[in-house]
Amino acid sequence: MKNILIFASGSGSNAEQIILHFNTLKTAKIDAILTNKVDAGVLERAKKHQIPSFIFEKEQLNSGHVLDIVNRFNPDLIILAGFLLKFPENIIKQYPNKIINIHPALLPNYGGKGMYGMHVHNAVLTNKEEFTGITIHYVNENYDEGAIIKQEKVYIGDCTTAEEIANRVHALEHKFFPTTISDLLHD
């Protein structure tokens, strides 16, 4: 059985979809959820599924403390599911091509520092895009610049609010992120 760690900063809806996916398949297990937010919704989801969670501060992420936690689990894959801090080079170097992220747009468009969540959807709406989507990619030392693993797009030409766009993107995330993780673990 493969081991997965999830890093998240928000509500944890993608994390929960991944948990449910592997609870069904039994080919991998989520060893722990790590977050930088004491009030992150993902913590309740972790508790509900009886998955250990770790809360850390930004300084601990960069000092090696979080790397020590990661090393305890020796993960086959590290998943960033709505994790908002820049991922540290010490973890990236120790786990090359084992860290993936999901971005709520079709990279390279609408990526980079500050481009996450509703910021992305508002920019897509403002630019009157007909399509948007998701990008699942490897994590490197730069925001949203790692090699692309998978992209899926959705029509949004009829959307009038960023919330409508967000709902369509979330549907893609929930459908394709867990299955892409499965494919990566079993290639």
N, C-alpha and C. Protein backbone atom coordinates (compact mmCIF):
# COMPACT_ATOMS: atom_id res chain seq x y z
N MET A 1 0.84 -1.18 0.00
CA MET A 1 0.00 0.00 0.00
C MET A 1 0.89 1.25 0.00
N LYS A 2 0.53 2.22 -0.83
CA LYS A 2 1.31 3.46 -0.94
C LYS A 2 0.91 4.43 0.17
N ASN A 3 1.84 5.31 0.51
CA ASN A 3 1.62 6.31 1.56
C ASN A 3 1.55 7.71 0.97
N ILE A 4 0.54 8.46 1.42
CA ILE A 4 0.31 9.81 0.93
C ILE A 4 0.26 10.78 2.11
N LEU A 5 0.86 11.95 1.93
CA LEU A 5 0.68 13.06 2.85
C LEU A 5 -0.03 14.17 2.09
N ILE A 6 -0.95 14.85 2.77
CA ILE A 6 -1.68 15.97 2.15
C ILE A 6 -1.37 17.24 2.93
N PHE A 7 -1.01 18.29 2.20
CA PHE A 7 -0.86 19.62 2.75
C PHE A 7 -2.04 20.46 2.26
N ALA A 8 -2.73 21.14 3.17
CA ALA A 8 -3.87 21.97 2.79
C ALA A 8 -3.95 23.16 3.73
N SER A 9 -4.53 24.26 3.24
CA SER A 9 -4.68 25.46 4.05
C SER A 9 -6.14 25.86 4.25
N GLY A 10 -7.05 25.22 3.53
CA GLY A 10 -8.43 25.68 3.53
C GLY A 10 -9.43 24.67 4.03
N SER A 11 -10.57 24.63 3.33
CA SER A 11 -11.70 23.80 3.78
C SER A 11 -11.43 22.31 3.66
N GLY A 12 -10.58 21.93 2.71
CA GLY A 12 -10.22 20.53 2.57
C GLY A 12 -11.15 19.70 1.71
N SER A 13 -11.91 20.34 0.83
CA SER A 13 -12.83 19.55 -0.01
C SER A 13 -12.07 18.62 -0.95
N ASN A 14 -10.96 19.10 -1.52
CA ASN A 14 -10.15 18.21 -2.37
C ASN A 14 -9.50 17.11 -1.54
N ALA A 15 -9.01 17.45 -0.36
CA ALA A 15 -8.41 16.44 0.51
C ALA A 15 -9.42 15.34 0.82
N GLU A 16 -10.66 15.74 1.11
CA GLU A 16 -11.67 14.74 1.44
C GLU A 16 -11.99 13.84 0.24
N GLN A 17 -12.03 14.40 -0.95
CA GLN A 17 -12.27 13.58 -2.14
C GLN A 17 -11.16 12.54 -2.32
N ILE A 18 -9.93 12.95 -2.03
CA ILE A 18 -8.79 12.03 -2.12
C ILE A 18 -8.92 10.94 -1.06
N ILE A 19 -9.26 11.32 0.15
CA ILE A 19 -9.45 10.36 1.24
C ILE A 19 -10.52 9.33 0.87
N LEU A 20 -11.66 9.81 0.40
CA LEU A 20 -12.76 8.92 0.04
C LEU A 20 -12.37 7.98 -1.10
N HIS A 21 -11.65 8.52 -2.07
CA HIS A 21 -11.20 7.73 -3.22
C HIS A 21 -10.35 6.54 -2.76
N PHE A 22 -9.37 6.81 -1.89
CA PHE A 22 -8.47 5.74 -1.46
C PHE A 22 -9.08 4.86 -0.37
N ASN A 23 -10.07 5.36 0.34
CA ASN A 23 -10.81 4.49 1.27
C ASN A 23 -11.55 3.41 0.49
N THR A 24 -11.99 3.76 -0.70
CA THR A 24 -12.69 2.80 -1.56
C THR A 24 -11.71 1.85 -2.24
N LEU A 25 -10.65 2.40 -2.82
CA LEU A 25 -9.70 1.58 -3.60
C LEU A 25 -8.79 0.71 -2.73
N LYS A 26 -8.40 1.22 -1.57
CA LYS A 26 -7.49 0.52 -0.66
C LYS A 26 -6.11 0.25 -1.28
N THR A 27 -5.67 1.13 -2.21
CA THR A 27 -4.35 0.98 -2.82
C THR A 27 -3.34 1.95 -2.20
N ALA A 28 -3.84 2.91 -1.45
CA ALA A 28 -2.98 3.88 -0.78
C ALA A 28 -3.72 4.37 0.45
N LYS A 29 -2.94 4.94 1.38
CA LYS A 29 -3.60 5.51 2.55
C LYS A 29 -3.03 6.89 2.82
N ILE A 30 -3.91 7.74 3.35
CA ILE A 30 -3.49 9.08 3.73
C ILE A 30 -2.92 8.96 5.14
N ASP A 31 -1.62 9.13 5.28
CA ASP A 31 -0.96 8.98 6.57
C ASP A 31 -1.20 10.17 7.49
N ALA A 32 -1.26 11.37 6.91
CA ALA A 32 -1.44 12.57 7.72
C ALA A 32 -1.82 13.74 6.84
N ILE A 33 -2.41 14.73 7.50
CA ILE A 33 -2.73 16.00 6.85
C ILE A 33 -1.97 17.08 7.61
N LEU A 34 -1.28 17.92 6.86
CA LEU A 34 -0.49 19.00 7.45
C LEU A 34 -1.05 20.33 7.00
N THR A 35 -1.15 21.28 7.92
CA THR A 35 -1.69 22.58 7.58
C THR A 35 -0.97 23.69 8.34
N ASN A 36 -1.00 24.87 7.76
CA ASN A 36 -0.43 26.05 8.39
C ASN A 36 -1.50 26.93 9.02
N LYS A 37 -2.73 26.46 9.07
CA LYS A 37 -3.85 27.26 9.60
C LYS A 37 -4.53 26.51 10.73
N VAL A 38 -4.55 27.10 11.92
CA VAL A 38 -5.17 26.43 13.07
C VAL A 38 -6.69 26.29 12.91
N ASP A 39 -7.29 27.13 12.06
CA ASP A 39 -8.73 27.08 11.87
C ASP A 39 -9.13 26.51 10.50
N ALA A 40 -8.21 25.82 9.84
CA ALA A 40 -8.52 25.25 8.51
C ALA A 40 -9.59 24.17 8.62
N GLY A 41 -10.55 24.23 7.72
CA GLY A 41 -11.62 23.23 7.68
C GLY A 41 -11.10 21.82 7.45
N VAL A 42 -9.94 21.71 6.82
CA VAL A 42 -9.37 20.39 6.55
C VAL A 42 -9.10 19.62 7.84
N LEU A 43 -8.89 20.33 8.94
CA LEU A 43 -8.64 19.67 10.22
C LEU A 43 -9.87 18.88 10.69
N GLU A 44 -11.06 19.43 10.49
CA GLU A 44 -12.29 18.71 10.83
C GLU A 44 -12.47 17.48 9.95
N ARG A 45 -12.13 17.63 8.68
CA ARG A 45 -12.23 16.49 7.76
C ARG A 45 -11.25 15.39 8.15
N ALA A 46 -10.04 15.78 8.56
CA ALA A 46 -9.05 14.80 9.01
C ALA A 46 -9.58 14.05 10.24
N LYS A 47 -10.14 14.80 11.17
CA LYS A 47 -10.67 14.19 12.40
C LYS A 47 -11.81 13.22 12.07
N LYS A 48 -12.70 13.64 11.18
CA LYS A 48 -13.83 12.81 10.77
C LYS A 48 -13.37 11.47 10.20
N HIS A 49 -12.26 11.49 9.47
CA HIS A 49 -11.74 10.27 8.84
C HIS A 49 -10.63 9.61 9.65
N GLN A 50 -10.42 10.11 10.87
CA GLN A 50 -9.43 9.55 11.80
C GLN A 50 -8.02 9.53 11.20
N ILE A 51 -7.67 10.65 10.58
CA ILE A 51 -6.34 10.82 10.01
C ILE A 51 -5.58 11.82 10.88
N PRO A 52 -4.38 11.49 11.30
CA PRO A 52 -3.61 12.43 12.13
C PRO A 52 -3.35 13.73 11.38
N SER A 53 -3.33 14.82 12.14
CA SER A 53 -3.05 16.11 11.51
C SER A 53 -1.97 16.85 12.29
N PHE A 54 -1.25 17.68 11.58
CA PHE A 54 -0.17 18.47 12.16
C PHE A 54 -0.37 19.92 11.73
N ILE A 55 -0.29 20.82 12.71
CA ILE A 55 -0.38 22.25 12.43
C ILE A 55 1.01 22.83 12.65
N PHE A 56 1.44 23.66 11.72
CA PHE A 56 2.77 24.25 11.83
C PHE A 56 2.71 25.72 11.42
N GLU A 57 3.72 26.46 11.82
CA GLU A 57 3.85 27.85 11.42
C GLU A 57 4.79 27.95 10.23
N LYS A 58 4.68 29.05 9.51
CA LYS A 58 5.49 29.25 8.30
C LYS A 58 6.99 29.06 8.57
N GLU A 59 7.45 29.56 9.70
CA GLU A 59 8.87 29.42 10.04
C GLU A 59 9.27 27.95 10.17
N GLN A 60 8.36 27.14 10.71
CA GLN A 60 8.64 25.71 10.87
C GLN A 60 8.70 25.00 9.52
N LEU A 61 7.95 25.50 8.55
CA LEU A 61 7.97 24.93 7.21
C LEU A 61 9.36 25.10 6.60
N ASN A 62 9.93 26.27 6.81
CA ASN A 62 11.21 26.58 6.18
C ASN A 62 12.42 26.18 7.01
N SER A 63 12.23 25.88 8.30
CA SER A 63 13.36 25.58 9.18
C SER A 63 13.80 24.12 9.17
N GLY A 64 13.00 23.25 8.60
CA GLY A 64 13.33 21.83 8.62
C GLY A 64 12.43 21.03 9.54
N HIS A 65 11.67 21.70 10.41
CA HIS A 65 10.76 21.01 11.32
C HIS A 65 9.72 20.19 10.55
N VAL A 66 9.14 20.79 9.51
CA VAL A 66 8.12 20.08 8.73
C VAL A 66 8.76 18.94 7.93
N LEU A 67 9.97 19.15 7.43
CA LEU A 67 10.68 18.07 6.74
C LEU A 67 10.86 16.87 7.67
N ASP A 68 11.15 17.12 8.93
CA ASP A 68 11.27 16.03 9.90
C ASP A 68 9.97 15.24 10.02
N ILE A 69 8.85 15.95 10.03
CA ILE A 69 7.53 15.28 10.09
C ILE A 69 7.32 14.44 8.83
N VAL A 70 7.60 15.05 7.68
CA VAL A 70 7.43 14.34 6.40
C VAL A 70 8.28 13.07 6.38
N ASN A 71 9.53 13.18 6.80
CA ASN A 71 10.43 12.02 6.78
C ASN A 71 9.95 10.87 7.66
N ARG A 72 9.23 11.18 8.72
CA ARG A 72 8.69 10.13 9.59
C ARG A 72 7.76 9.19 8.81
N PHE A 73 7.08 9.75 7.82
CA PHE A 73 6.09 8.97 7.06
C PHE A 73 6.66 8.38 5.78
N ASN A 74 7.80 8.89 5.30
CA ASN A 74 8.41 8.42 4.06
C ASN A 74 7.35 8.25 2.96
N PRO A 75 6.68 9.34 2.57
CA PRO A 75 5.56 9.23 1.63
C PRO A 75 5.99 8.86 0.20
N ASP A 76 5.11 8.13 -0.46
CA ASP A 76 5.29 7.87 -1.89
C ASP A 76 4.89 9.08 -2.70
N LEU A 77 3.96 9.88 -2.14
CA LEU A 77 3.49 11.09 -2.82
C LEU A 77 3.06 12.11 -1.79
N ILE A 78 3.40 13.37 -2.05
CA ILE A 78 2.96 14.50 -1.22
C ILE A 78 2.01 15.32 -2.09
N ILE A 79 0.81 15.53 -1.57
CA ILE A 79 -0.23 16.24 -2.33
C ILE A 79 -0.46 17.61 -1.73
N LEU A 80 -0.39 18.64 -2.54
CA LEU A 80 -0.77 19.98 -2.11
C LEU A 80 -2.19 20.20 -2.62
N ALA A 81 -3.14 20.29 -1.70
CA ALA A 81 -4.56 20.42 -2.05
C ALA A 81 -5.08 21.71 -1.43
N GLY A 82 -4.84 22.82 -2.11
CA GLY A 82 -5.24 24.10 -1.55
C GLY A 82 -4.27 24.56 -0.47
N PHE A 83 -2.99 24.27 -0.68
CA PHE A 83 -1.96 24.72 0.25
C PHE A 83 -1.39 26.02 -0.29
N LEU A 84 -1.41 27.08 0.52
CA LEU A 84 -1.15 28.42 -0.01
C LEU A 84 0.27 28.93 0.19
N LEU A 85 1.08 28.28 0.99
CA LEU A 85 2.45 28.75 1.17
C LEU A 85 3.37 28.18 0.09
N LYS A 86 4.42 28.93 -0.19
CA LYS A 86 5.43 28.42 -1.13
C LYS A 86 6.09 27.20 -0.50
N PHE A 87 6.17 26.12 -1.25
CA PHE A 87 6.71 24.89 -0.70
C PHE A 87 8.23 25.00 -0.62
N PRO A 88 8.82 24.57 0.49
CA PRO A 88 10.26 24.78 0.71
C PRO A 88 11.14 23.85 -0.12
N GLU A 89 12.28 24.41 -0.50
CA GLU A 89 13.22 23.66 -1.34
C GLU A 89 13.77 22.43 -0.63
N ASN A 90 13.90 22.46 0.70
CA ASN A 90 14.48 21.29 1.38
C ASN A 90 13.58 20.06 1.21
N ILE A 91 12.27 20.24 1.18
CA ILE A 91 11.37 19.10 0.96
C ILE A 91 11.36 18.72 -0.52
N ILE A 92 11.34 19.73 -1.39
CA ILE A 92 11.34 19.47 -2.84
C ILE A 92 12.58 18.67 -3.24
N LYS A 93 13.73 19.04 -2.70
CA LYS A 93 14.98 18.33 -3.05
C LYS A 93 14.99 16.90 -2.53
N GLN A 94 14.40 16.69 -1.37
CA GLN A 94 14.40 15.34 -0.79
C GLN A 94 13.37 14.42 -1.46
N TYR A 95 12.32 15.02 -2.03
CA TYR A 95 11.25 14.23 -2.65
C TYR A 95 11.00 14.70 -4.09
N PRO A 96 12.03 14.59 -4.94
CA PRO A 96 11.86 15.07 -6.33
C PRO A 96 10.81 14.24 -7.07
N ASN A 97 9.96 14.93 -7.80
CA ASN A 97 8.89 14.30 -8.58
C ASN A 97 7.95 13.45 -7.72
N LYS A 98 7.84 13.79 -6.45
CA LYS A 98 6.90 13.12 -5.55
C LYS A 98 5.96 14.12 -4.89
N ILE A 99 5.98 15.37 -5.36
CA ILE A 99 5.13 16.42 -4.80
C ILE A 99 4.30 16.99 -5.94
N ILE A 100 2.98 16.94 -5.77
CA ILE A 100 2.11 17.48 -6.82
C ILE A 100 1.13 18.49 -6.23
N ASN A 101 0.69 19.37 -7.09
CA ASN A 101 -0.24 20.44 -6.72
C ASN A 101 -1.37 20.48 -7.75
N ILE A 102 -2.48 21.05 -7.33
CA ILE A 102 -3.57 21.31 -8.26
C ILE A 102 -3.79 22.82 -8.30
N HIS A 103 -3.95 23.34 -9.51
CA HIS A 103 -4.16 24.78 -9.71
C HIS A 103 -5.49 24.99 -10.42
N PRO A 104 -6.28 25.98 -9.98
CA PRO A 104 -7.62 26.17 -10.55
C PRO A 104 -7.66 26.99 -11.84
N ALA A 105 -6.75 26.72 -12.75
CA ALA A 105 -6.72 27.37 -14.06
C ALA A 105 -5.85 26.54 -14.98
N LEU A 106 -5.86 26.91 -16.24
CA LEU A 106 -5.05 26.21 -17.23
C LEU A 106 -3.69 26.89 -17.32
N LEU A 107 -2.75 26.39 -16.54
CA LEU A 107 -1.40 26.97 -16.56
C LEU A 107 -0.80 26.85 -17.95
N PRO A 108 0.03 27.77 -18.38
CA PRO A 108 0.68 28.80 -17.58
C PRO A 108 -0.19 30.04 -17.30
N ASN A 109 -1.40 30.10 -17.84
CA ASN A 109 -2.27 31.25 -17.59
C ASN A 109 -2.75 31.26 -16.14
N TYR A 110 -2.82 32.43 -15.57
CA TYR A 110 -3.38 32.66 -14.23
C TYR A 110 -2.65 31.90 -13.13
N GLY A 111 -1.34 31.80 -13.27
CA GLY A 111 -0.53 31.16 -12.23
C GLY A 111 0.41 32.17 -11.59
N GLY A 112 1.13 31.71 -10.61
CA GLY A 112 2.13 32.55 -9.96
C GLY A 112 1.68 33.02 -8.58
N LYS A 113 2.56 33.76 -7.95
CA LYS A 113 2.32 34.24 -6.58
C LYS A 113 1.02 35.05 -6.52
N GLY A 114 0.21 34.75 -5.55
CA GLY A 114 -1.04 35.47 -5.35
C GLY A 114 -2.21 34.97 -6.19
N MET A 115 -1.93 34.05 -7.10
CA MET A 115 -2.99 33.53 -7.96
C MET A 115 -3.48 32.20 -7.40
N TYR A 116 -4.53 32.28 -6.60
CA TYR A 116 -5.14 31.09 -6.02
C TYR A 116 -6.62 31.38 -5.79
N GLY A 117 -7.40 30.31 -5.72
CA GLY A 117 -8.82 30.42 -5.38
C GLY A 117 -9.57 31.47 -6.17
N MET A 118 -10.31 32.29 -5.43
CA MET A 118 -11.18 33.29 -6.07
C MET A 118 -10.38 34.35 -6.83
N HIS A 119 -9.13 34.58 -6.48
CA HIS A 119 -8.30 35.52 -7.24
C HIS A 119 -8.19 35.05 -8.69
N VAL A 120 -8.01 33.76 -8.87
CA VAL A 120 -7.91 33.19 -10.21
C VAL A 120 -9.25 33.32 -10.93
N HIS A 121 -10.33 32.93 -10.27
CA HIS A 121 -11.65 32.94 -10.91
C HIS A 121 -12.09 34.36 -11.28
N ASN A 122 -11.77 35.33 -10.42
CA ASN A 122 -12.09 36.73 -10.74
C ASN A 122 -11.30 37.21 -11.95
N ALA A 123 -10.04 36.83 -12.04
CA ALA A 123 -9.21 37.23 -13.19
C ALA A 123 -9.74 36.60 -14.48
N VAL A 124 -10.12 35.33 -14.41
CA VAL A 124 -10.67 34.63 -15.57
C VAL A 124 -11.97 35.31 -16.03
N LEU A 125 -12.82 35.67 -15.07
CA LEU A 125 -14.09 36.35 -15.39
C LEU A 125 -13.83 37.72 -16.00
N THR A 126 -12.93 38.48 -15.39
CA THR A 126 -12.60 39.82 -15.87
C THR A 126 -12.09 39.79 -17.31
N ASN A 127 -11.32 38.76 -17.64
CA ASN A 127 -10.77 38.63 -18.99
C ASN A 127 -11.72 37.96 -19.98
N LYS A 128 -12.93 37.67 -19.51
CA LYS A 128 -13.99 37.11 -20.37
C LYS A 128 -13.54 35.85 -21.12
N GLU A 129 -12.86 34.96 -20.38
CA GLU A 129 -12.42 33.70 -20.98
C GLU A 129 -13.63 32.81 -21.26
N GLU A 130 -13.55 32.04 -22.32
CA GLU A 130 -14.63 31.08 -22.63
C GLU A 130 -14.40 29.75 -21.92
N PHE A 131 -13.13 29.44 -21.66
CA PHE A 131 -12.77 28.18 -21.00
C PHE A 131 -11.81 28.46 -19.85
N THR A 132 -11.89 27.63 -18.86
CA THR A 132 -10.89 27.58 -17.80
C THR A 132 -10.76 26.11 -17.45
N GLY A 133 -10.10 25.82 -16.36
CA GLY A 133 -9.97 24.41 -16.00
C GLY A 133 -9.06 24.22 -14.83
N ILE A 134 -8.43 23.06 -14.80
CA ILE A 134 -7.50 22.71 -13.73
C ILE A 134 -6.19 22.24 -14.34
N THR A 135 -5.14 22.43 -13.58
CA THR A 135 -3.84 21.89 -13.94
C THR A 135 -3.28 21.14 -12.73
N ILE A 136 -2.94 19.90 -12.94
CA ILE A 136 -2.26 19.11 -11.91
C ILE A 136 -0.80 19.05 -12.36
N HIS A 137 0.10 19.46 -11.47
CA HIS A 137 1.50 19.58 -11.88
C HIS A 137 2.44 19.22 -10.74
N TYR A 138 3.67 18.88 -11.12
CA TYR A 138 4.70 18.66 -10.12
C TYR A 138 5.09 20.00 -9.51
N VAL A 139 5.56 19.96 -8.28
CA VAL A 139 5.96 21.16 -7.58
C VAL A 139 7.47 21.32 -7.72
N ASN A 140 7.89 22.53 -8.11
CA ASN A 140 9.30 22.87 -8.09
C ASN A 140 9.47 24.12 -7.23
N GLU A 141 10.62 24.76 -7.33
CA GLU A 141 10.91 25.89 -6.45
C GLU A 141 10.16 27.17 -6.81
N ASN A 142 9.44 27.21 -7.94
CA ASN A 142 8.67 28.39 -8.34
C ASN A 142 7.18 28.09 -8.33
N TYR A 143 6.39 29.10 -7.98
CA TYR A 143 4.93 28.94 -7.98
C TYR A 143 4.43 28.50 -9.36
N ASP A 144 3.73 27.40 -9.40
CA ASP A 144 2.97 26.96 -10.58
C ASP A 144 3.81 26.76 -11.84
N GLU A 145 5.09 26.43 -11.69
CA GLU A 145 5.94 26.25 -12.86
C GLU A 145 6.42 24.82 -13.06
N GLY A 146 6.04 23.89 -12.19
CA GLY A 146 6.48 22.51 -12.34
C GLY A 146 5.84 21.85 -13.55
N ALA A 147 6.44 20.76 -13.99
CA ALA A 147 5.96 20.04 -15.18
C ALA A 147 4.49 19.65 -15.02
N ILE A 148 3.72 19.86 -16.08
CA ILE A 148 2.29 19.57 -16.07
C ILE A 148 2.06 18.07 -16.22
N ILE A 149 1.22 17.53 -15.36
CA ILE A 149 0.85 16.12 -15.38
C ILE A 149 -0.45 15.94 -16.15
N LYS A 150 -1.44 16.81 -15.87
CA LYS A 150 -2.75 16.69 -16.50
C LYS A 150 -3.46 18.03 -16.47
N GLN A 151 -4.20 18.31 -17.53
CA GLN A 151 -5.08 19.48 -17.57
C GLN A 151 -6.45 19.03 -18.05
N GLU A 152 -7.48 19.64 -17.49
CA GLU A 152 -8.86 19.42 -17.93
C GLU A 152 -9.51 20.78 -18.03
N LYS A 153 -10.32 20.97 -19.07
CA LYS A 153 -10.94 22.28 -19.21
C LYS A 153 -12.46 22.18 -19.20
N VAL A 154 -13.07 23.33 -18.94
CA VAL A 154 -14.52 23.42 -18.86
C VAL A 154 -14.97 24.74 -19.49
N TYR A 155 -16.11 24.70 -20.16
CA TYR A 155 -16.70 25.90 -20.76
C TYR A 155 -17.28 26.79 -19.68
N ILE A 156 -16.95 28.07 -19.73
CA ILE A 156 -17.48 29.02 -18.75
C ILE A 156 -18.01 30.28 -19.42
N GLY A 157 -18.19 30.22 -20.74
CA GLY A 157 -18.64 31.40 -21.49
C GLY A 157 -20.00 31.92 -21.04
N ASP A 158 -20.79 31.08 -20.40
CA ASP A 158 -22.11 31.50 -19.92
C ASP A 158 -22.11 31.88 -18.44
N CYS A 159 -20.95 31.88 -17.80
CA CYS A 159 -20.86 32.23 -16.37
C CYS A 159 -20.84 33.76 -16.21
N THR A 160 -21.57 34.24 -15.22
CA THR A 160 -21.62 35.69 -14.97
C THR A 160 -20.97 36.07 -13.65
N THR A 161 -20.59 35.08 -12.84
CA THR A 161 -19.93 35.38 -11.56
C THR A 161 -18.72 34.45 -11.38
N ALA A 162 -17.80 34.92 -10.56
CA ALA A 162 -16.63 34.10 -10.23
C ALA A 162 -17.05 32.85 -9.46
N GLU A 163 -18.13 32.95 -8.69
CA GLU A 163 -18.62 31.80 -7.93
C GLU A 163 -19.08 30.67 -8.86
N GLU A 164 -19.75 31.05 -9.96
CA GLU A 164 -20.17 30.03 -10.94
C GLU A 164 -18.95 29.33 -11.55
N ILE A 165 -17.93 30.12 -11.85
CA ILE A 165 -16.70 29.55 -12.39
C ILE A 165 -16.07 28.62 -11.36
N ALA A 166 -16.01 29.08 -10.12
CA ALA A 166 -15.42 28.27 -9.05
C ALA A 166 -16.14 26.92 -8.92
N ASN A 167 -17.46 26.92 -9.01
CA ASN A 167 -18.22 25.67 -8.90
C ASN A 167 -17.87 24.69 -10.01
N ARG A 168 -17.71 25.20 -11.22
CA ARG A 168 -17.34 24.30 -12.34
C ARG A 168 -15.92 23.77 -12.19
N VAL A 169 -15.03 24.62 -11.70
CA VAL A 169 -13.65 24.20 -11.49
C VAL A 169 -13.57 23.17 -10.36
N HIS A 170 -14.32 23.40 -9.28
CA HIS A 170 -14.34 22.43 -8.17
C HIS A 170 -14.82 21.06 -8.64
N ALA A 171 -15.80 21.05 -9.51
CA ALA A 171 -16.30 19.77 -10.03
C ALA A 171 -15.18 19.03 -10.77
N LEU A 172 -14.39 19.76 -11.56
CA LEU A 172 -13.25 19.14 -12.25
C LEU A 172 -12.21 18.63 -11.26
N GLU A 173 -11.92 19.44 -10.25
CA GLU A 173 -10.93 19.05 -9.24
C GLU A 173 -11.34 17.75 -8.56
N HIS A 174 -12.58 17.70 -8.12
CA HIS A 174 -13.07 16.53 -7.38
C HIS A 174 -13.12 15.28 -8.25
N LYS A 175 -13.36 15.46 -9.53
CA LYS A 175 -13.42 14.32 -10.45
C LYS A 175 -12.03 13.81 -10.83
N PHE A 176 -11.11 14.72 -11.14
CA PHE A 176 -9.84 14.30 -11.76
C PHE A 176 -8.64 14.23 -10.82
N PHE A 177 -8.65 14.96 -9.70
CA PHE A 177 -7.47 14.94 -8.83
C PHE A 177 -7.25 13.55 -8.22
N PRO A 178 -8.27 12.92 -7.61
CA PRO A 178 -8.04 11.59 -7.03
C PRO A 178 -7.59 10.55 -8.06
N THR A 179 -8.20 10.55 -9.23
CA THR A 179 -7.85 9.53 -10.24
C THR A 179 -6.45 9.76 -10.80
N THR A 180 -6.06 11.02 -10.93
CA THR A 180 -4.70 11.33 -11.41
C THR A 180 -3.67 10.86 -10.38
N ILE A 181 -3.97 11.06 -9.11
CA ILE A 181 -3.08 10.59 -8.04
C ILE A 181 -2.95 9.06 -8.12
N SER A 182 -4.06 8.38 -8.30
CA SER A 182 -4.02 6.92 -8.45
C SER A 182 -3.12 6.51 -9.60
N ASP A 183 -3.29 7.18 -10.73
CA ASP A 183 -2.49 6.84 -11.92
C ASP A 183 -1.00 7.05 -11.64
N LEU A 184 -0.66 8.14 -10.96
CA LEU A 184 0.75 8.41 -10.66
C LEU A 184 1.35 7.36 -9.73
N LEU A 185 0.57 6.93 -8.76
CA LEU A 185 1.07 5.96 -7.79
C LEU A 185 1.25 4.57 -8.38
N HIS A 186 0.58 4.31 -9.47
CA HIS A 186 0.60 2.94 -10.02
C HIS A 186 1.18 2.86 -11.42
N ASP A 187 1.93 3.89 -11.80
CA ASP A 187 2.63 3.84 -13.11
C ASP A 187 3.89 3.02 -12.99
